[in-house]
Amino acid sequence: MAKNSGASRRAFIKGTIPAIAGGWAALRFPAEALAQRPAAMPSAAADIAPVDERKIWSKEYWAQKGNVKLNMFRKRTNAPQPGQAALPVLILAHGSSIASRASYDLKFPGHGEYSLMNKFASYGYDVWTLDFEGYGRSTQTAGNSDIASGVEDLKAAVEVISKETGQQRYHFFGESSGALRAGAYAMVQPQRINRLIFAATTYTGEGSSTLATRAQQVDFYRANNRRPRDKAMISSIFTRDKAGTSEPGLDEAIAAVELPLGDSVPTGTYLDMTANMPINDPAKILAPVLMLRGEYDGNSTEIDLLNMYRKFPNNDKQYVTIAGAAHSLVYSWNRHQLWHYMKAFLELPPRLDALKPA
């Protein structure tokens, strides 16, 4: 027994020494050890690499809402051709302070891809966005472009999209008040919705530090249909919740696109979000829903959004927190995670069970 035990120990030691030596080698010579490892996963730079714009087709359109002209923009990989199979349509609704193209088609050279339109066009989507009344290139009116006005804008835009694509149902994505607009639209035209994505939305607003601060100006929003929107206001988007969640210099890139279009924006969504919440009734939103919230988002609390989430009647729904992000998910360092969750949700395989709704 002892003889066998000794042999076993010698065999064990003999087999272990090379492993230990290999471990020492890895500690002393990390470059050599790494060279023997399998190829590494793609780097973060690869995750946010720019899309080749030479492969992206784009076109500008106009929708008419009474006397208001609404500017629309479209991107996809190739120009549409007669008889060509239709691509899934994704409609992007912008928020309170930045118009559509700076929100969803931003150019920030040398800093990777920031265009949500480019990214989803490269994934095979027919991507549309629009400037709501009073924003960007759309008609500036005496109105305040509140959420109800945004619903009418989306109705007008959908008529153009239906004519151009031949399709009747679309995916919708909205960030911040754009999510409220998309949700309110889904409540009144559920037949137009395929899948609905809320990013950085709010429900009742209870517990929101941002909305509590904004509410101090509610009398101004009631008395004025427009508010100043300068470089400092744009910069505050990236610092008010948590500094370091977005890339330095991003505010400069946005201001360079936005400020030539005007130094003020409508007050309607700010008034709605401080005095008229909740805007969305989740019980009336029938579509599959993805909710996305940044870890540090001051526009909402997690408990408020989870209270909204549990009321959606369609159980094809998901709730995701993006760590290290604040209010703006589209502009965050971790925007590639946003793309991942969006794409996975939009391309979720269909249900096969017999219990699914007719």
Protein backbone atom coordinates (compact mmCIF):
# COMPACT_ATOMS: atom_id res chain seq x y z
CA MET A 1 0.00 0.00 0.00
CA ALA A 2 2.82 2.38 0.93
CA LYS A 3 4.72 1.39 -2.23
CA ASN A 4 1.72 2.13 -4.39
CA SER A 5 1.10 5.40 -2.56
CA GLY A 6 4.69 6.49 -3.22
CA ALA A 7 4.34 5.65 -6.90
CA SER A 8 1.11 7.59 -7.04
CA ARG A 9 2.75 10.60 -5.41
CA ARG A 10 5.67 10.47 -7.86
CA ALA A 11 3.30 10.22 -10.79
CA PHE A 12 1.22 13.09 -9.44
CA ILE A 13 4.28 15.30 -8.91
CA LYS A 14 5.65 14.40 -12.34
CA GLY A 15 2.37 15.36 -13.96
CA THR A 16 1.91 18.48 -11.90
CA ILE A 17 5.35 20.08 -12.39
CA PRO A 18 4.74 21.00 -16.04
CA ALA A 19 1.40 22.52 -15.12
CA ILE A 20 2.98 24.54 -12.32
CA ALA A 21 5.82 25.54 -14.60
CA GLY A 22 3.27 26.62 -17.19
CA GLY A 23 1.51 28.69 -14.57
CA TRP A 24 4.83 30.33 -13.58
CA ALA A 25 5.55 31.00 -17.22
CA ALA A 26 2.18 32.69 -17.61
CA LEU A 27 2.90 34.85 -14.59
CA ARG A 28 6.44 35.75 -15.68
CA PHE A 29 5.84 35.96 -19.41
CA PRO A 30 2.26 37.12 -19.96
CA ALA A 31 2.82 38.02 -23.63
CA GLU A 32 3.99 34.50 -24.43
CA ALA A 33 1.15 32.95 -22.45
CA LEU A 34 -1.45 35.14 -24.14
CA ALA A 35 -0.06 34.19 -27.54
CA GLN A 36 -1.02 30.58 -26.78
CA ARG A 37 -4.62 31.48 -25.89
CA PRO A 38 -7.56 31.33 -28.31
CA ALA A 39 -8.33 34.49 -30.25
CA ALA A 40 -9.79 37.19 -28.01
CA MET A 41 -13.35 38.41 -28.22
CA PRO A 42 -13.90 41.54 -30.36
CA SER A 43 -12.70 44.71 -28.69
CA ALA A 44 -14.98 47.54 -27.62
CA ALA A 45 -13.68 49.53 -30.60
CA ALA A 46 -15.01 46.81 -32.89
CA ASP A 47 -18.38 46.88 -31.11
CA ILE A 48 -18.86 50.56 -32.00
CA ALA A 49 -17.00 50.62 -35.33
CA PRO A 50 -18.52 53.05 -37.87
CA VAL A 51 -20.90 51.67 -40.45
CA ASP A 52 -19.67 52.13 -44.03
CA GLU A 53 -21.96 54.96 -45.18
CA ARG A 54 -21.22 54.13 -48.81
CA LYS A 55 -23.48 51.13 -48.27
CA ILE A 56 -26.35 53.19 -46.83
CA TRP A 57 -29.06 54.79 -48.96
CA SER A 58 -30.97 57.79 -47.56
CA LYS A 59 -33.75 60.12 -48.56
CA GLU A 60 -35.65 63.08 -47.10
CA TYR A 61 -39.47 63.21 -47.07
CA TRP A 62 -42.19 65.55 -45.86
CA ALA A 63 -45.46 64.74 -44.10
CA GLN A 64 -48.33 67.19 -43.92
CA LYS A 65 -50.34 67.74 -40.72
CA GLY A 66 -52.80 70.47 -41.60
CA ASN A 67 -50.64 73.53 -42.23
CA VAL A 68 -47.62 71.96 -40.54
CA LYS A 69 -44.85 70.38 -42.61
CA LEU A 70 -42.99 67.60 -40.83
CA ASN A 71 -39.50 66.73 -41.98
CA MET A 72 -38.79 63.01 -42.28
CA PHE A 73 -35.59 61.09 -42.98
CA ARG A 74 -35.06 57.50 -44.09
CA LYS A 75 -32.07 55.14 -44.24
CA ARG A 76 -31.63 51.58 -45.51
CA THR A 77 -28.92 49.56 -47.21
CA ASN A 78 -30.24 49.96 -50.75
CA ALA A 79 -32.76 52.12 -52.57
CA PRO A 80 -36.17 50.43 -52.67
CA GLN A 81 -36.94 48.66 -55.95
CA PRO A 82 -40.29 47.54 -57.41
CA GLY A 83 -40.97 43.90 -56.60
CA GLN A 84 -38.28 43.82 -53.93
CA ALA A 85 -39.07 42.05 -50.65
CA ALA A 86 -40.06 44.56 -47.97
CA LEU A 87 -37.68 45.26 -45.11
CA PRO A 88 -38.94 45.54 -41.53
CA VAL A 89 -39.66 49.19 -40.74
CA LEU A 90 -38.28 50.85 -37.59
CA ILE A 91 -39.58 54.32 -36.65
CA LEU A 92 -37.51 56.43 -34.22
CA ALA A 93 -39.19 59.14 -32.09
CA HIS A 94 -36.92 61.83 -30.62
CA GLY A 95 -37.05 63.48 -27.20
CA SER A 96 -37.68 66.95 -25.78
CA SER A 97 -34.49 68.88 -26.52
CA ILE A 98 -32.81 67.44 -29.63
CA ALA A 99 -34.39 66.96 -33.07
CA SER A 100 -34.36 63.71 -35.02
CA ARG A 101 -31.10 63.64 -36.97
CA ALA A 102 -28.87 64.79 -34.14
CA SER A 103 -30.66 62.23 -31.96
CA TYR A 104 -30.45 59.27 -34.32
CA ASP A 105 -28.01 60.07 -37.13
CA LEU A 106 -25.22 61.92 -35.32
CA LYS A 107 -21.76 62.15 -36.86
CA PHE A 108 -18.89 62.23 -34.33
CA PRO A 109 -15.81 61.52 -36.49
CA GLY A 110 -13.07 59.51 -34.86
CA HIS A 111 -15.30 58.29 -32.04
CA GLY A 112 -17.07 55.29 -33.52
CA GLU A 113 -20.67 54.91 -34.64
CA TYR A 114 -23.30 57.12 -33.05
CA SER A 115 -26.01 56.81 -35.69
CA LEU A 116 -28.80 54.49 -34.60
CA MET A 117 -30.13 54.85 -38.14
CA ASN A 118 -26.88 53.61 -39.68
CA LYS A 119 -26.63 50.71 -37.27
CA PHE A 120 -30.12 49.39 -37.86
CA ALA A 121 -29.96 50.03 -41.58
CA SER A 122 -26.86 47.81 -41.58
CA TYR A 123 -28.87 45.17 -39.67
CA GLY A 124 -31.39 45.11 -42.52
CA TYR A 125 -34.08 47.54 -41.32
CA ASP A 126 -35.85 50.32 -43.20
CA VAL A 127 -35.28 53.10 -40.65
CA TRP A 128 -37.34 56.30 -40.45
CA THR A 129 -37.37 59.31 -38.16
CA LEU A 130 -39.07 62.70 -38.10
CA ASP A 131 -38.81 66.13 -36.53
CA PHE A 132 -41.90 66.77 -34.43
CA GLU A 133 -43.77 70.04 -34.85
CA GLY A 134 -41.60 72.96 -33.76
CA TYR A 135 -38.34 70.99 -33.88
CA GLY A 136 -35.47 70.86 -36.36
CA ARG A 137 -36.54 71.27 -39.97
CA SER A 138 -40.28 70.97 -39.31
CA THR A 139 -42.62 73.95 -39.21
CA GLN A 140 -42.24 76.13 -36.12
CA THR A 141 -45.71 77.06 -34.91
CA ALA A 142 -47.31 78.92 -32.02
CA GLY A 143 -48.07 75.54 -30.39
CA ASN A 144 -46.02 73.85 -27.67
CA SER A 145 -45.66 70.42 -29.38
CA ASP A 146 -46.96 68.39 -26.44
CA ILE A 147 -47.37 64.62 -26.40
CA ALA A 148 -50.86 64.76 -27.96
CA SER A 149 -49.45 66.86 -30.81
CA GLY A 150 -46.68 64.29 -31.25
CA VAL A 151 -49.27 61.54 -31.68
CA GLU A 152 -50.84 63.49 -34.53
CA ASP A 153 -47.37 63.96 -36.04
CA LEU A 154 -46.81 60.21 -35.96
CA LYS A 155 -50.19 59.61 -37.61
CA ALA A 156 -49.18 61.94 -40.47
CA ALA A 157 -45.73 60.36 -40.77
CA VAL A 158 -47.17 56.84 -40.86
CA GLU A 159 -49.27 57.78 -43.89
CA VAL A 160 -46.08 58.63 -45.78
CA ILE A 161 -44.33 55.47 -44.58
CA SER A 162 -47.29 53.32 -45.56
CA LYS A 163 -47.34 54.82 -49.06
CA GLU A 164 -43.58 54.43 -49.54
CA THR A 165 -43.16 50.93 -48.09
CA GLY A 166 -46.55 49.32 -48.70
CA GLN A 167 -46.47 48.08 -45.12
CA GLN A 168 -49.10 48.63 -42.44
CA ARG A 169 -47.28 47.64 -39.23
CA TYR A 170 -44.00 48.99 -37.87
CA HIS A 171 -41.56 48.71 -35.00
CA PHE A 172 -41.37 51.88 -32.88
CA PHE A 173 -38.51 53.14 -30.71
CA GLY A 174 -38.71 56.26 -28.55
CA GLU A 175 -36.26 57.76 -26.10
CA SER A 176 -37.37 59.98 -23.19
CA SER A 177 -40.44 62.01 -24.28
CA GLY A 178 -40.14 60.24 -27.64
CA ALA A 179 -41.05 57.07 -25.75
CA LEU A 180 -44.11 58.82 -24.32
CA ARG A 181 -45.12 59.88 -27.82
CA ALA A 182 -44.63 56.37 -29.19
CA GLY A 183 -46.55 54.86 -26.27
CA ALA A 184 -49.42 57.33 -26.67
CA TYR A 185 -49.54 56.54 -30.39
CA ALA A 186 -49.62 52.81 -29.63
CA MET A 187 -52.65 53.39 -27.40
CA VAL A 188 -54.73 54.91 -30.24
CA GLN A 189 -53.42 52.98 -33.25
CA PRO A 190 -52.48 49.53 -31.93
CA GLN A 191 -53.01 48.01 -35.37
CA ARG A 192 -49.90 49.85 -36.60
CA ILE A 193 -47.51 48.46 -34.00
CA ASN A 194 -45.30 45.40 -34.39
CA ARG A 195 -42.91 45.82 -31.46
CA LEU A 196 -42.48 48.82 -29.20
CA ILE A 197 -39.29 49.91 -27.43
CA PHE A 198 -39.31 52.43 -24.58
CA ALA A 199 -35.89 53.91 -23.76
CA ALA A 200 -35.41 56.29 -20.81
CA THR A 201 -39.15 56.72 -20.37
CA THR A 202 -41.07 57.65 -17.25
CA TYR A 203 -44.45 56.54 -15.95
CA THR A 204 -45.90 58.59 -13.08
CA GLY A 205 -42.68 60.52 -12.49
CA GLU A 206 -42.82 59.71 -8.77
CA GLY A 207 -39.36 59.85 -7.21
CA SER A 208 -37.70 61.38 -10.28
CA SER A 209 -35.00 63.87 -9.28
CA THR A 210 -34.90 65.41 -12.76
CA LEU A 211 -38.65 65.96 -12.96
CA ALA A 212 -38.75 67.38 -9.42
CA THR A 213 -36.19 70.01 -10.45
CA ARG A 214 -37.97 70.67 -13.73
CA ALA A 215 -41.30 71.13 -11.94
CA GLN A 216 -39.92 74.30 -10.35
CA GLN A 217 -40.32 75.90 -13.79
CA VAL A 218 -43.85 74.63 -14.46
CA ASP A 219 -45.33 78.15 -14.45
CA PHE A 220 -42.86 79.15 -17.17
CA TYR A 221 -43.83 76.11 -19.27
CA ARG A 222 -47.51 77.00 -18.91
CA ALA A 223 -46.93 80.62 -19.92
CA ASN A 224 -44.46 79.99 -22.75
CA ASN A 225 -44.64 77.62 -25.70
CA ARG A 226 -40.88 77.61 -26.24
CA ARG A 227 -37.85 77.47 -23.94
CA PRO A 228 -34.17 78.39 -24.50
CA ARG A 229 -31.95 75.56 -25.72
CA ASP A 230 -28.30 76.62 -25.86
CA LYS A 231 -24.96 74.84 -25.70
CA ALA A 232 -25.02 74.76 -21.88
CA MET A 233 -28.45 73.09 -21.89
CA ILE A 234 -27.23 70.44 -24.35
CA SER A 235 -24.14 69.84 -22.19
CA SER A 236 -26.31 69.37 -19.09
CA ILE A 237 -27.93 66.29 -20.65
CA PHE A 238 -24.66 64.44 -20.07
CA THR A 239 -23.84 65.69 -16.57
CA ARG A 240 -27.11 66.10 -14.67
CA ASP A 241 -27.43 62.43 -13.68
CA LYS A 242 -23.90 61.03 -13.62
CA ALA A 243 -20.74 62.39 -15.22
CA GLY A 244 -18.69 59.84 -17.12
CA THR A 245 -21.59 57.95 -18.68
CA SER A 246 -21.08 59.59 -22.08
CA GLU A 247 -18.02 60.50 -24.12
CA PRO A 248 -16.46 63.97 -23.68
CA GLY A 249 -17.05 66.25 -26.66
CA LEU A 250 -20.37 64.68 -27.57
CA ASP A 251 -22.21 67.86 -26.57
CA GLU A 252 -20.07 69.85 -29.01
CA ALA A 253 -20.94 67.49 -31.86
CA ILE A 254 -24.66 67.75 -31.09
CA ALA A 255 -24.59 71.52 -30.67
CA ALA A 256 -22.88 71.90 -34.04
CA VAL A 257 -25.86 70.18 -35.68
CA GLU A 258 -28.69 71.52 -33.52
CA LEU A 259 -27.94 75.17 -32.81
CA PRO A 260 -28.01 76.26 -36.49
CA LEU A 261 -31.64 75.05 -36.48
CA GLY A 262 -32.57 77.38 -33.60
CA ASP A 263 -31.79 78.30 -30.02
CA SER A 264 -35.15 77.26 -28.56
CA VAL A 265 -37.45 74.23 -28.50
CA PRO A 266 -41.10 73.68 -27.53
CA THR A 267 -42.16 73.36 -23.88
CA GLY A 268 -45.03 70.90 -24.34
CA THR A 269 -43.29 67.70 -23.34
CA TYR A 270 -41.68 69.35 -20.30
CA LEU A 271 -45.11 70.56 -19.19
CA ASP A 272 -46.65 67.14 -19.72
CA MET A 273 -43.86 65.39 -17.82
CA THR A 274 -44.10 67.73 -14.83
CA ALA A 275 -47.84 68.38 -14.60
CA ASN A 276 -49.78 65.76 -16.56
CA MET A 277 -48.32 62.36 -15.75
CA PRO A 278 -49.03 59.58 -16.36
CA ILE A 279 -49.33 60.06 -20.11
CA ASN A 280 -49.16 56.39 -21.06
CA ASP A 281 -51.71 53.86 -19.79
CA PRO A 282 -49.84 50.55 -20.01
CA ALA A 283 -53.09 48.58 -19.89
CA LYS A 284 -53.97 50.09 -23.27
CA ILE A 285 -50.64 49.25 -24.90
CA LEU A 286 -51.19 45.86 -26.50
CA ALA A 287 -47.93 45.38 -28.40
CA PRO A 288 -44.87 43.44 -27.26
CA VAL A 289 -42.75 45.86 -25.22
CA LEU A 290 -39.08 46.28 -24.35
CA MET A 291 -38.28 48.78 -21.58
CA LEU A 292 -34.72 50.06 -21.27
CA ARG A 293 -33.44 52.22 -18.41
CA GLY A 294 -29.97 53.52 -17.67
CA GLU A 295 -28.61 52.70 -14.22
CA TYR A 296 -28.30 56.40 -13.28
CA ASP A 297 -31.36 57.80 -15.10
CA GLY A 298 -32.78 60.67 -13.07
CA ASN A 299 -35.95 60.91 -15.18
CA SER A 300 -37.38 57.80 -13.56
CA THR A 301 -36.96 55.36 -10.75
CA GLU A 302 -36.75 51.65 -11.30
CA ILE A 303 -39.76 50.98 -9.09
CA ASP A 304 -41.90 53.43 -11.07
CA LEU A 305 -41.00 51.76 -14.37
CA LEU A 306 -41.49 48.26 -12.97
CA ASN A 307 -44.97 49.32 -11.84
CA MET A 308 -45.63 50.30 -15.44
CA TYR A 309 -44.03 47.14 -16.81
CA ARG A 310 -46.20 44.77 -14.79
CA LYS A 311 -49.38 46.36 -16.22
CA PHE A 312 -48.62 45.66 -19.88
CA PRO A 313 -51.20 43.03 -20.90
CA ASN A 314 -48.96 41.36 -23.49
CA ASN A 315 -46.56 39.00 -21.71
CA ASP A 316 -44.13 39.23 -24.61
CA LYS A 317 -42.27 41.92 -22.68
CA GLN A 318 -38.81 42.57 -21.32
CA TYR A 319 -37.24 45.02 -18.86
CA VAL A 320 -33.50 45.77 -19.05
CA THR A 321 -31.19 47.99 -17.01
CA ILE A 322 -28.10 49.19 -18.88
CA ALA A 323 -25.30 49.49 -16.32
CA GLY A 324 -23.07 52.54 -16.51
CA ALA A 325 -25.61 54.57 -18.47
CA ALA A 326 -27.68 57.58 -17.45
CA HIS A 327 -30.70 59.17 -19.13
CA SER A 328 -29.41 59.14 -22.69
CA LEU A 329 -28.90 55.57 -23.85
CA VAL A 330 -28.42 56.45 -27.52
CA TYR A 331 -25.48 58.73 -26.64
CA SER A 332 -23.95 56.59 -23.88
CA TRP A 333 -20.56 54.90 -23.82
CA ASN A 334 -22.52 51.66 -23.69
CA ARG A 335 -24.76 52.35 -26.68
CA HIS A 336 -23.59 49.08 -28.27
CA GLN A 337 -25.45 47.29 -25.48
CA LEU A 338 -28.56 49.25 -26.37
CA TRP A 339 -28.21 48.08 -30.00
CA HIS A 340 -27.79 44.50 -28.80
CA TYR A 341 -30.93 44.48 -26.66
CA MET A 342 -32.97 46.25 -29.34
CA LYS A 343 -31.91 43.87 -32.11
CA ALA A 344 -32.48 40.78 -29.96
CA PHE A 345 -35.97 41.97 -29.04
CA LEU A 346 -36.96 42.91 -32.59
CA GLU A 347 -35.72 39.57 -33.89
CA LEU A 348 -37.09 37.35 -31.15
CA PRO A 349 -38.21 34.03 -32.68
CA PRO A 350 -42.00 33.63 -32.83
CA ARG A 351 -43.93 31.66 -30.25
CA LEU A 352 -44.82 28.10 -31.21
CA ASP A 353 -47.20 27.20 -28.38
CA ALA A 354 -50.91 26.76 -28.93
CA LEU A 355 -51.69 29.29 -26.16
CA LYS A 356 -50.48 32.33 -28.07
CA PRO A 357 -53.13 35.02 -28.86
CA ALA A 358 -54.93 34.67 -32.19
